Protein backbone atom coordinates (compact mmCIF):
# COMPACT_ATOMS: atom_id res chain seq x y z
CA MET A 1 3.47 143.23 -59.23
CA GLY A 2 2.06 146.29 -60.94
CA VAL A 3 4.14 149.12 -62.33
CA GLY A 4 3.69 152.50 -60.65
CA PHE A 5 4.53 155.86 -62.08
CA ALA A 6 5.60 159.22 -60.65
CA PRO A 7 5.42 162.02 -63.24
CA ILE A 8 7.22 165.19 -62.15
CA ALA A 9 5.29 168.20 -63.40
CA LEU A 10 7.56 171.23 -63.77
CA GLY A 11 6.98 174.97 -63.74
CA PRO A 12 4.02 177.03 -62.52
CA SER A 13 1.50 174.94 -64.46
CA GLY A 14 2.81 171.80 -62.75
CA VAL A 15 2.01 172.95 -59.20
CA SER A 16 -1.57 171.70 -59.33
CA ALA A 17 -0.40 168.23 -60.45
CA ARG A 18 2.04 168.06 -57.53
CA ILE A 19 -0.71 168.93 -55.04
CA LEU A 20 -3.07 166.40 -56.61
CA ALA A 21 -0.43 163.68 -57.03
CA SER A 22 -2.31 161.08 -55.01
CA ARG A 23 -5.56 161.89 -56.79
CA LEU A 24 -3.74 161.34 -60.09
CA GLU A 25 -2.39 158.02 -58.74
CA SER A 26 1.23 159.15 -58.73
CA GLU A 27 3.49 157.07 -56.50
CA LEU A 28 5.30 160.07 -55.04
CA VAL A 29 5.90 163.80 -55.25
CA TYR A 30 8.92 165.86 -54.27
CA ALA A 31 8.74 168.78 -51.83
CA SER A 32 11.47 170.99 -50.43
CA ALA A 33 12.40 170.32 -46.82
CA ARG A 34 11.53 172.80 -44.10
CA GLY A 35 13.88 175.74 -44.23
CA TYR A 36 15.27 174.88 -47.67
CA ALA A 37 14.62 176.43 -51.07
CA ALA A 38 12.89 174.51 -53.85
CA THR A 39 15.22 172.34 -55.92
CA GLY A 40 13.15 172.63 -59.08
CA PRO A 41 10.59 174.92 -60.76
CA GLY A 42 7.10 174.40 -59.38
CA GLN A 43 8.22 172.53 -56.28
CA LEU A 44 6.29 173.35 -53.11
CA GLY A 45 7.60 173.39 -49.57
CA LEU A 46 6.74 170.42 -47.37
CA GLU A 47 4.98 172.59 -44.78
CA GLU A 48 2.83 174.27 -47.42
CA LEU A 49 1.98 170.97 -49.09
CA LEU A 50 0.95 169.29 -45.83
CA SER A 51 -0.68 172.21 -44.01
CA GLN A 52 -2.27 174.49 -46.56
CA TYR A 53 -3.19 171.84 -49.11
CA ARG A 54 -3.68 168.91 -46.66
CA PHE A 55 -1.85 166.67 -49.11
CA SER A 56 -2.10 163.60 -46.89
CA SER A 57 -5.90 163.70 -46.86
CA ILE A 58 -6.46 164.09 -50.60
CA GLY A 59 -8.09 160.94 -51.97
CA PRO A 60 -10.30 159.64 -54.78
CA GLN A 61 -13.43 161.32 -53.37
CA THR A 62 -11.86 164.70 -52.56
CA ASP A 63 -13.70 167.58 -54.22
CA ILE A 64 -11.35 169.77 -56.24
CA TYR A 65 -11.67 173.54 -56.56
CA GLY A 66 -9.10 176.08 -57.63
CA ILE A 67 -8.13 179.33 -59.28
CA LEU A 68 -7.49 179.64 -63.02
CA GLY A 69 -5.25 182.42 -64.26
CA HIS A 70 -1.71 183.52 -65.05
CA PRO A 71 0.15 184.21 -62.90
CA VAL A 72 -1.67 182.83 -59.83
CA LEU A 73 0.96 181.17 -57.63
CA GLU A 74 1.09 184.26 -55.40
CA SER A 75 -2.69 184.44 -55.02
CA LEU A 76 -4.06 184.44 -51.48
CA SER A 77 -7.14 182.53 -52.59
CA PRO A 78 -5.76 179.00 -51.93
CA ALA A 79 -4.84 179.92 -48.36
CA ILE A 80 -8.21 181.58 -47.76
CA HIS A 81 -10.39 178.82 -49.18
CA ASN A 82 -8.33 175.89 -47.88
CA ALA A 83 -8.35 177.23 -44.34
CA TRP A 84 -12.14 177.41 -44.40
CA LEU A 85 -12.58 174.00 -46.09
CA SER A 86 -10.38 172.52 -43.38
CA LYS A 87 -12.24 174.26 -40.58
CA LYS A 88 -15.56 172.95 -41.91
CA GLY A 89 -14.13 169.43 -42.16
CA LEU A 90 -14.98 169.19 -45.86
CA ASP A 91 -13.17 166.64 -48.02
CA ALA A 92 -12.11 169.26 -50.54
CA VAL A 93 -9.03 171.15 -51.69
CA TYR A 94 -8.48 174.42 -53.57
CA VAL A 95 -5.41 174.56 -55.83
CA PRO A 96 -3.75 177.07 -58.19
CA PHE A 97 -4.13 176.35 -61.90
CA ASP A 98 -1.49 178.58 -63.46
CA GLU A 99 -2.24 178.27 -67.17
CA VAL A 100 -1.54 180.22 -70.34
CA ASP A 101 -4.22 178.46 -72.42
CA ILE A 102 -7.74 177.65 -71.32
CA GLU A 103 -8.35 174.71 -73.69
CA PRO A 104 -6.03 172.12 -72.07
CA PHE A 105 -7.25 173.27 -68.66
CA ALA A 106 -10.86 172.65 -69.69
CA GLU A 107 -10.03 169.14 -70.89
CA ALA A 108 -8.13 168.32 -67.69
CA ALA A 109 -10.90 169.77 -65.53
CA LYS A 110 -13.39 167.31 -66.96
CA VAL A 111 -11.07 164.37 -66.40
CA MET A 112 -10.39 165.40 -62.80
CA GLY A 113 -14.05 166.10 -62.10
CA LEU A 114 -13.39 169.68 -60.97
CA GLY A 115 -16.21 170.99 -58.78
CA GLY A 116 -15.65 174.65 -59.49
CA PHE A 117 -13.02 177.34 -59.75
CA SER A 118 -12.22 181.03 -59.50
CA VAL A 119 -11.21 182.88 -62.67
CA THR A 120 -8.73 185.74 -62.72
CA ARG A 121 -6.57 187.54 -65.30
CA PRO A 122 -6.43 186.93 -68.22
CA PHE A 123 -9.41 184.55 -68.46
CA LYS A 124 -12.44 186.42 -67.05
CA GLU A 125 -13.72 187.10 -70.55
CA ALA A 126 -11.94 184.25 -72.35
CA VAL A 127 -13.81 181.69 -70.23
CA LEU A 128 -17.22 182.78 -71.57
CA PRO A 129 -17.29 180.41 -74.60
CA TRP A 130 -16.64 177.49 -72.24
CA VAL A 131 -19.54 178.28 -69.91
CA GLN A 132 -22.81 176.48 -70.70
CA GLU A 133 -24.96 178.54 -68.32
CA ILE A 134 -24.41 182.03 -66.98
CA ASP A 135 -25.90 184.07 -64.17
CA SER A 136 -27.73 187.25 -65.27
CA SER A 137 -25.24 189.58 -63.56
CA ALA A 138 -22.24 187.84 -65.15
CA ARG A 139 -24.00 188.02 -68.51
CA GLY A 140 -24.61 191.73 -68.08
CA ILE A 141 -21.01 192.30 -67.06
CA GLY A 142 -19.62 190.14 -69.85
CA ALA A 143 -17.07 188.53 -67.54
CA VAL A 144 -17.00 185.51 -65.24
CA ASN A 145 -14.83 185.12 -62.15
CA THR A 146 -16.52 182.05 -60.63
CA VAL A 147 -17.51 178.73 -62.19
CA VAL A 148 -19.38 175.89 -60.54
CA VAL A 149 -19.87 172.53 -62.25
CA ARG A 150 -23.47 171.30 -62.08
CA ASP A 151 -24.49 168.09 -63.84
CA GLY A 152 -21.37 168.31 -65.96
CA LYS A 153 -22.09 171.88 -67.07
CA TRP A 154 -20.00 174.94 -66.32
CA VAL A 155 -22.19 177.63 -64.73
CA GLY A 156 -20.66 181.11 -64.57
CA PHE A 157 -21.07 183.84 -61.96
CA ASN A 158 -19.37 187.13 -61.15
CA THR A 159 -18.69 187.61 -57.46
CA ASP A 160 -16.40 190.60 -58.11
CA LEU A 161 -19.66 192.53 -58.26
CA HIS A 162 -20.35 191.75 -54.59
CA GLY A 163 -16.73 192.39 -53.67
CA VAL A 164 -16.97 195.94 -55.00
CA ILE A 165 -20.52 197.00 -54.17
CA SER A 166 -20.90 195.61 -50.65
CA PRO A 167 -17.86 197.40 -49.12
CA ILE A 168 -18.65 200.68 -50.90
CA ALA A 169 -22.34 200.59 -49.90
CA LYS A 170 -21.30 200.24 -46.25
CA ARG A 171 -19.51 203.56 -46.48
CA ILE A 172 -21.56 205.70 -48.86
CA SER A 173 -24.94 205.75 -50.58
CA ILE A 174 -24.12 204.92 -54.20
CA ASP A 175 -27.30 206.23 -55.83
CA GLY A 176 -26.69 209.51 -57.63
CA LYS A 177 -22.97 209.62 -56.85
CA LEU A 178 -20.27 210.18 -59.47
CA ALA A 179 -18.05 207.10 -59.64
CA VAL A 180 -14.78 206.86 -61.55
CA VAL A 181 -13.57 203.39 -62.54
CA VAL A 182 -9.93 203.11 -63.61
CA GLY A 183 -9.43 200.20 -66.00
CA SER A 184 -11.34 198.45 -68.75
CA GLY A 185 -10.84 194.71 -68.17
CA GLY A 186 -13.08 192.10 -66.57
CA ALA A 187 -12.76 193.52 -63.05
CA ALA A 188 -13.52 197.03 -64.27
CA LYS A 189 -16.60 195.71 -66.05
CA ALA A 190 -17.88 194.15 -62.83
CA ALA A 191 -17.32 197.36 -60.88
CA SER A 192 -18.93 199.52 -63.56
CA TYR A 193 -21.94 197.25 -63.95
CA GLY A 194 -22.54 197.08 -60.21
CA LEU A 195 -22.15 200.81 -59.67
CA ALA A 196 -24.48 201.59 -62.60
CA GLN A 197 -27.07 199.10 -61.29
CA ASN A 198 -26.99 200.96 -57.98
CA GLY A 199 -27.63 204.34 -59.56
CA ALA A 200 -24.14 205.81 -59.85
CA LYS A 201 -23.13 208.16 -62.64
CA LEU A 202 -20.01 206.71 -64.24
CA VAL A 203 -16.69 207.78 -65.72
CA ILE A 204 -14.29 205.21 -67.21
CA LEU A 205 -10.60 206.08 -67.32
CA GLY A 206 -8.39 203.59 -69.13
CA ARG A 207 -4.88 202.99 -70.39
CA ASN A 208 -6.37 201.34 -73.47
CA ALA A 209 -8.49 204.09 -75.04
CA ALA A 210 -10.44 201.75 -77.34
CA LYS A 211 -11.37 199.30 -74.56
CA ALA A 212 -12.25 202.13 -72.20
CA ALA A 213 -14.53 203.68 -74.83
CA GLU A 214 -16.20 200.30 -75.44
CA LEU A 215 -16.88 199.79 -71.74
CA ALA A 216 -18.10 203.36 -71.35
CA GLN A 217 -20.61 202.80 -74.13
CA GLU A 218 -21.86 199.60 -72.50
CA VAL A 219 -22.58 201.29 -69.15
CA SER A 220 -23.57 204.74 -70.49
CA ALA A 221 -20.52 206.41 -68.96
CA LYS A 222 -18.20 209.25 -69.84
CA VAL A 223 -14.71 208.22 -70.88
CA GLY A 224 -11.21 209.61 -70.51
CA CYS A 225 -7.56 208.81 -70.04
CA LEU A 226 -5.75 208.33 -66.73
CA ASP A 227 -4.69 211.98 -66.60
CA ASP A 228 -8.30 213.17 -66.70
CA LEU A 229 -9.18 212.36 -63.08
CA ALA A 230 -8.81 215.98 -61.89
CA ARG A 231 -11.56 217.04 -64.31
CA PHE A 232 -14.25 215.26 -62.31
CA GLU A 233 -15.79 215.98 -58.89
CA TRP A 234 -16.01 212.30 -58.04
CA ASP A 235 -17.46 210.65 -54.95
CA ILE A 236 -16.22 207.10 -55.58
CA LEU A 237 -12.97 205.98 -57.14
CA VAL A 238 -12.22 202.34 -58.03
CA ASN A 239 -8.85 201.13 -59.27
CA ALA A 240 -9.40 198.01 -61.36
CA THR A 241 -5.86 197.86 -62.76
CA PRO A 242 -2.86 195.94 -61.34
CA LEU A 243 -0.85 199.15 -60.90
CA GLY A 244 0.27 199.50 -57.31
CA GLY A 245 0.98 195.80 -56.82
CA GLY A 246 2.96 192.93 -58.30
CA GLU A 247 5.79 194.28 -60.44
CA ASP A 248 4.60 197.89 -59.96
CA PRO A 249 4.30 198.30 -56.16
CA ASP A 250 5.42 201.93 -56.22
CA LYS A 251 3.12 203.06 -59.00
CA THR A 252 -0.34 204.56 -58.84
CA PRO A 253 -2.81 204.44 -61.75
CA VAL A 254 -3.99 208.03 -61.24
CA ARG A 255 -2.66 211.07 -59.45
CA LEU A 256 -4.69 212.44 -56.55
CA ASP A 257 -4.44 216.21 -56.17
CA ARG A 258 -7.45 216.49 -53.90
CA VAL A 259 -10.36 214.43 -52.61
CA LYS A 260 -13.92 215.56 -51.94
CA PRO A 261 -14.92 215.25 -48.26
CA GLY A 262 -16.62 211.91 -47.65
CA ALA A 263 -15.31 210.34 -50.86
CA VAL A 264 -14.55 206.61 -51.04
CA VAL A 265 -11.55 205.00 -52.75
CA LEU A 266 -11.35 201.24 -53.42
CA ASP A 267 -8.18 199.67 -54.80
CA MET A 268 -8.56 196.11 -56.11
CA VAL A 269 -4.84 195.45 -55.58
CA TYR A 270 -4.41 193.51 -52.33
CA ASP A 271 -0.66 192.98 -52.21
CA PRO A 272 0.39 195.30 -50.71
CA GLU A 273 -2.83 195.85 -48.79
CA TRP A 274 -2.18 199.57 -48.47
CA THR A 275 -1.16 200.69 -51.95
CA PRO A 276 0.29 204.11 -52.85
CA LEU A 277 -3.17 205.09 -54.12
CA LEU A 278 -4.90 204.21 -50.84
CA LEU A 279 -2.20 205.90 -48.75
CA ALA A 280 -2.55 209.07 -50.81
CA ALA A 281 -6.35 208.93 -50.59
CA LYS A 282 -6.20 208.43 -46.82
CA SER A 283 -3.90 211.43 -46.45
CA TYR A 284 -6.63 213.55 -48.07
CA GLY A 285 -9.25 212.20 -45.67
CA ALA A 286 -10.93 209.71 -48.01
CA ARG A 287 -12.58 206.53 -46.74
CA VAL A 288 -10.45 203.76 -48.17
CA ILE A 289 -11.18 200.12 -49.02
CA SER A 290 -8.35 197.68 -49.59
CA GLY A 291 -8.29 194.99 -52.24
CA LEU A 292 -8.01 192.48 -49.40
CA GLU A 293 -11.48 193.41 -48.17
CA MET A 294 -12.86 193.05 -51.68
CA LEU A 295 -11.10 189.69 -52.11
CA ILE A 296 -12.61 188.33 -48.90
CA VAL A 297 -16.15 189.57 -49.62
CA GLN A 298 -16.24 188.00 -53.09
CA ALA A 299 -14.63 184.78 -51.75
CA ILE A 300 -17.50 184.41 -49.28
CA VAL A 301 -19.95 184.33 -52.19
CA GLN A 302 -17.74 181.90 -54.13
CA ALA A 303 -17.60 179.44 -51.26
CA GLU A 304 -21.38 179.54 -50.93
CA VAL A 305 -21.83 178.94 -54.68
CA TRP A 306 -19.57 175.86 -54.49
CA THR A 307 -20.56 174.33 -51.16
CA GLY A 308 -23.90 175.83 -50.20
CA GLU A 309 -22.36 177.31 -47.04
CA ALA A 310 -21.09 180.86 -46.55
CA PRO A 311 -17.99 181.58 -44.45
CA THR A 312 -17.91 184.67 -42.26
CA PHE A 313 -15.73 187.67 -43.08
CA ASP A 314 -13.71 187.07 -39.93
CA GLU A 315 -13.03 183.43 -40.85
CA LEU A 316 -11.60 184.27 -44.26
CA GLY A 317 -9.94 187.46 -43.06
CA LYS A 318 -8.05 185.60 -40.37
CA ALA A 319 -6.80 183.05 -42.91
CA ALA A 320 -5.73 185.78 -45.33
CA ARG A 321 -3.73 187.70 -42.74
CA ALA A 322 -2.11 184.51 -41.42
CA GLU A 323 -0.90 183.72 -44.94
CA ILE A 324 0.42 187.25 -45.41
CA GLU A 325 2.42 186.90 -42.19
CA ARG A 326 3.68 183.44 -43.21
CA ARG A 327 5.02 184.82 -46.47
CA LYS A 328 6.97 187.49 -44.65
CA THR A 329 8.98 184.77 -42.89
CA LYS A 330 9.80 182.78 -46.02
């Protein structure tokens, strides 16, 4: 008789190992019973494990995708992508990889045969040295939010670009417009690059003056601090900071005193969907775009990069809203 093993991975970084227990040849995994709280850090609920992650169907040939970042356990991406993978009948699963260091993740990804993954804070720029090939847009942006593994090589893309530009372009002609981007990280780079490529005149406002100035130089933009918004007659405003969500749900990155008629405001924060910034912008008559819309649009492109098939907006939107409602009942 052989000897089995059942390692119990703890904490946020252990969630992926619990989901992939059968793939890792573990004899068992613990889950909290329906209606009961987790009994240990990183433990998932039985319903979530069986329904969202289709734990019972994960086997040796299951394709593995996921999201790399920290923190990512509250991300909507697993619910969105898993619902679509299930609907398409694909033998694949999308799991959260909550990591603080990219090196051990990279080593584990090779062992597991990861097919691809999303990249979020704080790794959109840190992942670049690990990517063997890179799409021209991602190279221009200097940040990667999507990786697909092809012939053992990591190939990097940036679908944030599509998530920003497509929704804005549906509401306003970007060419010649003055666009203000708040932030200076990877998401801000994607927004700035895309807006510049589409003919917008740019202003970068950042909390980190040095990083904002560096980004402004890269995209030939003016630069300022968060309090400078009122100085500009802007047509497009993009918040690429986490302010307004997470631990700062009541905060807004900039203060709106007025909004030009016909202006567009996009907030990348998607939880809550209607942030203080978007509510203020809407009260002034602006056309507003939630971070949830951006998330769904860029996820469509990600799914196509990984599987060769593109979901519809309605398919992913339905999954996202169902997950939001599920969390309200937890």
